Amino acid sequence: MTLNGKEYKVKKLLGKGKGGYSYLVTDGEKEYVLKQIHHEPCSYYQFDNKLEAEKRDYKRLMEIGITMPKLLDIDETQERILKEYIPGDTVYQQVEKDALPEICLQQVKEMCTKLYAAHTNIDYFPTNFILWQNVLYYVDYECNAYMEEWNFENWGIKYWSKTKEFLEYERTH
């Protein structure tokens, strides 16, 4: 794949989200995440311009103080984003293995304190978080206006342990 004329070798698909496909790529020296925006329909979420939303949301979350991978480059024409790669298992993978460290819950709650004060929610689904060197990273950039029904305590927490919601998601995906 290329981004602004620079070539990257795809190592593997990391995942597909509402807004795009994320790939682990390398330039031969370092690893990165390259996100290719897609325009597939999403029945439960409406987007305007996805690339603009990524840039806007990244800026907002940085101002709030959320720990995230750095946004390194954007290719407007190809609708691609290059991010810092944060290695490690997602919170989802750790829950699957019954190995989620308590520090993850402590740190997501610290994020919530900052987010709620800024009247903002993020996508609390556990595939969007990676613990690396004892720091919890939100590896997505999506954020929205705060709504109580979509906050961590009312929605996200349902997927941060082997709840019926988590097990149902795992069964159907």
Protein backbone atom coordinates (compact mmCIF):
# COMPACT_ATOMS: atom_id res chain seq x y z
CA MET A 1 0.00 0.00 0.00
CA THR A 2 1.12 3.55 -0.54
CA LEU A 3 0.47 6.69 1.46
CA ASN A 4 1.43 10.02 -0.11
CA GLY A 5 3.76 8.20 -2.49
CA LYS A 6 5.59 6.18 0.19
CA GLU A 7 5.30 2.39 0.03
CA TYR A 8 4.40 0.20 2.98
CA LYS A 9 4.36 -3.58 3.07
CA VAL A 10 1.22 -5.05 4.61
CA LYS A 11 2.04 -7.56 7.35
CA LYS A 12 -1.55 -8.35 8.37
CA LEU A 13 -5.08 -7.06 8.74
CA LEU A 14 -5.59 -5.88 12.31
CA GLY A 15 -9.31 -5.31 12.06
CA LYS A 16 -12.31 -3.75 10.39
CA GLY A 17 -14.34 -1.06 12.06
CA LYS A 18 -17.27 1.16 11.20
CA GLY A 19 -14.99 3.57 9.36
CA GLY A 20 -12.23 1.51 7.81
CA TYR A 21 -9.79 -1.37 7.68
CA SER A 22 -6.65 -1.19 9.81
CA TYR A 23 -3.49 -2.94 8.66
CA LEU A 24 -0.16 -3.55 10.36
CA VAL A 25 2.37 -2.25 7.83
CA THR A 26 6.10 -1.64 7.67
CA ASP A 27 8.36 0.67 5.74
CA GLY A 28 11.20 -1.81 6.25
CA GLU A 29 12.38 -0.12 9.43
CA LYS A 30 9.36 0.47 11.66
CA GLU A 31 5.83 -0.87 12.01
CA TYR A 32 2.75 1.34 11.71
CA VAL A 33 -1.00 1.09 11.43
CA LEU A 34 -2.39 2.14 8.09
CA LYS A 35 -6.13 2.73 8.11
CA GLN A 36 -7.98 2.62 4.82
CA ILE A 37 -11.30 4.47 5.08
CA HIS A 38 -14.22 2.48 3.66
CA HIS A 39 -17.68 3.55 2.62
CA GLU A 40 -19.59 0.42 3.53
CA PRO A 41 -22.98 1.10 5.10
CA CYS A 42 -23.35 0.88 8.87
CA SER A 43 -26.90 0.35 10.09
CA TYR A 44 -26.35 1.86 13.55
CA TYR A 45 -24.03 4.80 12.85
CA GLN A 46 -24.09 7.76 10.47
CA PHE A 47 -20.93 9.40 9.15
CA ASP A 48 -20.42 12.63 7.29
CA ASN A 49 -16.89 12.77 5.86
CA LYS A 50 -14.99 9.93 7.59
CA LEU A 51 -11.52 11.30 6.94
CA GLU A 52 -12.46 14.74 8.29
CA ALA A 53 -14.08 13.04 11.29
CA GLU A 54 -10.84 11.14 12.02
CA LYS A 55 -8.82 14.39 11.97
CA ARG A 56 -11.37 16.31 14.03
CA ASP A 57 -11.80 13.54 16.60
CA TYR A 58 -8.04 13.02 16.96
CA LYS A 59 -7.55 16.72 17.66
CA ARG A 60 -10.41 16.79 20.17
CA LEU A 61 -9.19 13.73 22.07
CA MET A 62 -5.63 15.06 22.17
CA GLU A 63 -6.96 18.30 23.68
CA ILE A 64 -8.87 16.29 26.30
CA GLY A 65 -5.71 14.32 27.14
CA ILE A 66 -6.64 10.81 26.02
CA THR A 67 -3.68 8.47 25.48
CA MET A 68 -3.72 7.39 21.82
CA PRO A 69 -1.32 6.41 19.07
CA LYS A 70 0.12 9.43 17.27
CA LEU A 71 -1.43 10.43 13.95
CA LEU A 72 1.60 10.46 11.65
CA ASP A 73 0.29 11.17 8.15
CA ILE A 74 -2.88 11.49 6.08
CA ASP A 75 -3.36 10.75 2.39
CA GLU A 76 -6.46 12.76 1.47
CA THR A 77 -6.72 11.36 -2.08
CA GLN A 78 -6.61 7.69 -1.09
CA GLU A 79 -8.40 8.28 2.23
CA ARG A 80 -5.65 6.65 4.26
CA ILE A 81 -4.28 7.43 7.70
CA LEU A 82 -0.91 6.39 9.13
CA LYS A 83 -0.77 5.91 12.90
CA GLU A 84 1.81 4.91 15.44
CA TYR A 85 1.60 1.15 16.09
CA ILE A 86 0.89 0.16 19.68
CA PRO A 87 1.89 -3.50 20.13
CA GLY A 88 0.06 -5.94 22.35
CA ASP A 89 -3.26 -7.64 22.86
CA THR A 90 -6.46 -5.66 22.85
CA VAL A 91 -8.59 -5.52 25.97
CA TYR A 92 -11.00 -7.81 24.07
CA GLN A 93 -8.27 -10.44 23.61
CA GLN A 94 -7.32 -10.15 27.27
CA VAL A 95 -10.94 -10.65 28.34
CA GLU A 96 -11.13 -13.73 26.10
CA LYS A 97 -8.10 -15.18 27.94
CA ASP A 98 -9.43 -14.18 31.39
CA ALA A 99 -6.28 -12.07 31.72
CA LEU A 100 -7.44 -8.45 31.89
CA PRO A 101 -5.25 -6.58 34.40
CA GLU A 102 -7.07 -4.38 36.92
CA ILE A 103 -4.96 -1.44 35.74
CA CYS A 104 -7.01 -1.39 32.51
CA LEU A 105 -10.24 -0.65 34.38
CA GLN A 106 -8.51 1.94 36.53
CA GLN A 107 -7.11 3.73 33.48
CA VAL A 108 -10.32 3.64 31.43
CA LYS A 109 -12.12 5.19 34.40
CA GLU A 110 -9.46 7.93 34.50
CA MET A 111 -10.14 8.52 30.80
CA CYS A 112 -13.86 8.74 31.57
CA THR A 113 -13.27 11.48 34.14
CA LYS A 114 -11.58 13.61 31.46
CA LEU A 115 -14.07 12.71 28.75
CA TYR A 116 -17.21 13.34 30.79
CA ALA A 117 -15.87 16.73 31.92
CA ALA A 118 -15.51 17.55 28.20
CA HIS A 119 -19.03 16.20 27.44
CA THR A 120 -17.55 13.49 25.22
CA ASN A 121 -17.87 9.73 24.75
CA ILE A 122 -15.52 7.40 22.91
CA ASP A 123 -16.19 3.92 21.53
CA TYR A 124 -15.63 1.86 24.66
CA PHE A 125 -15.72 -1.49 22.85
CA PRO A 126 -12.67 -3.45 24.10
CA THR A 127 -11.11 -3.99 20.65
CA ASN A 128 -10.33 -0.25 20.72
CA PHE A 129 -7.94 -0.45 23.69
CA ILE A 130 -4.43 -1.86 24.10
CA LEU A 131 -2.38 -1.97 27.29
CA TRP A 132 1.30 -1.40 26.47
CA GLN A 133 4.00 -0.87 29.10
CA ASN A 134 1.28 -0.43 31.73
CA VAL A 135 -0.39 2.40 29.78
CA LEU A 136 -3.86 1.94 28.31
CA TYR A 137 -4.16 3.35 24.79
CA TYR A 138 -7.39 4.17 22.99
CA VAL A 139 -6.34 3.06 19.49
CA ASP A 140 -9.39 4.44 17.69
CA TYR A 141 -9.98 8.16 17.23
CA GLU A 142 -13.80 8.12 17.23
CA CYS A 143 -15.55 10.35 19.72
CA ASN A 144 -19.05 11.75 20.04
CA ALA A 145 -21.07 14.12 22.14
CA TYR A 146 -21.71 12.66 25.58
CA MET A 147 -24.88 10.62 25.99
CA GLU A 148 -25.39 8.76 29.25
CA GLU A 149 -26.69 5.60 27.55
CA TRP A 150 -23.39 5.25 25.63
CA ASN A 151 -20.98 6.05 28.47
CA PHE A 152 -18.62 3.46 29.92
CA GLU A 153 -20.75 2.60 32.94
CA ASN A 154 -23.95 2.02 30.95
CA TRP A 155 -22.58 0.46 27.77
CA GLY A 156 -18.82 -0.12 27.58
CA ILE A 157 -18.42 -2.04 30.84
CA LYS A 158 -20.73 -4.75 29.45
CA TYR A 159 -17.88 -5.88 27.19
CA TRP A 160 -14.91 -5.59 29.56
CA SER A 161 -15.52 -8.96 31.21
CA LYS A 162 -17.21 -12.21 30.21
CA THR A 163 -20.73 -10.87 30.58
CA LYS A 164 -23.69 -12.22 28.63
CA GLU A 165 -23.21 -9.32 26.16
CA PHE A 166 -19.55 -10.18 25.62
CA LEU A 167 -20.27 -13.89 25.18
CA GLU A 168 -23.13 -13.15 22.75
CA TYR A 169 -20.89 -10.87 20.70
CA GLU A 170 -18.17 -13.53 20.67
CA ARG A 171 -20.68 -16.19 19.58
CA THR A 172 -22.06 -14.11 16.70
CA HIS A 173 -18.77 -12.74 15.39
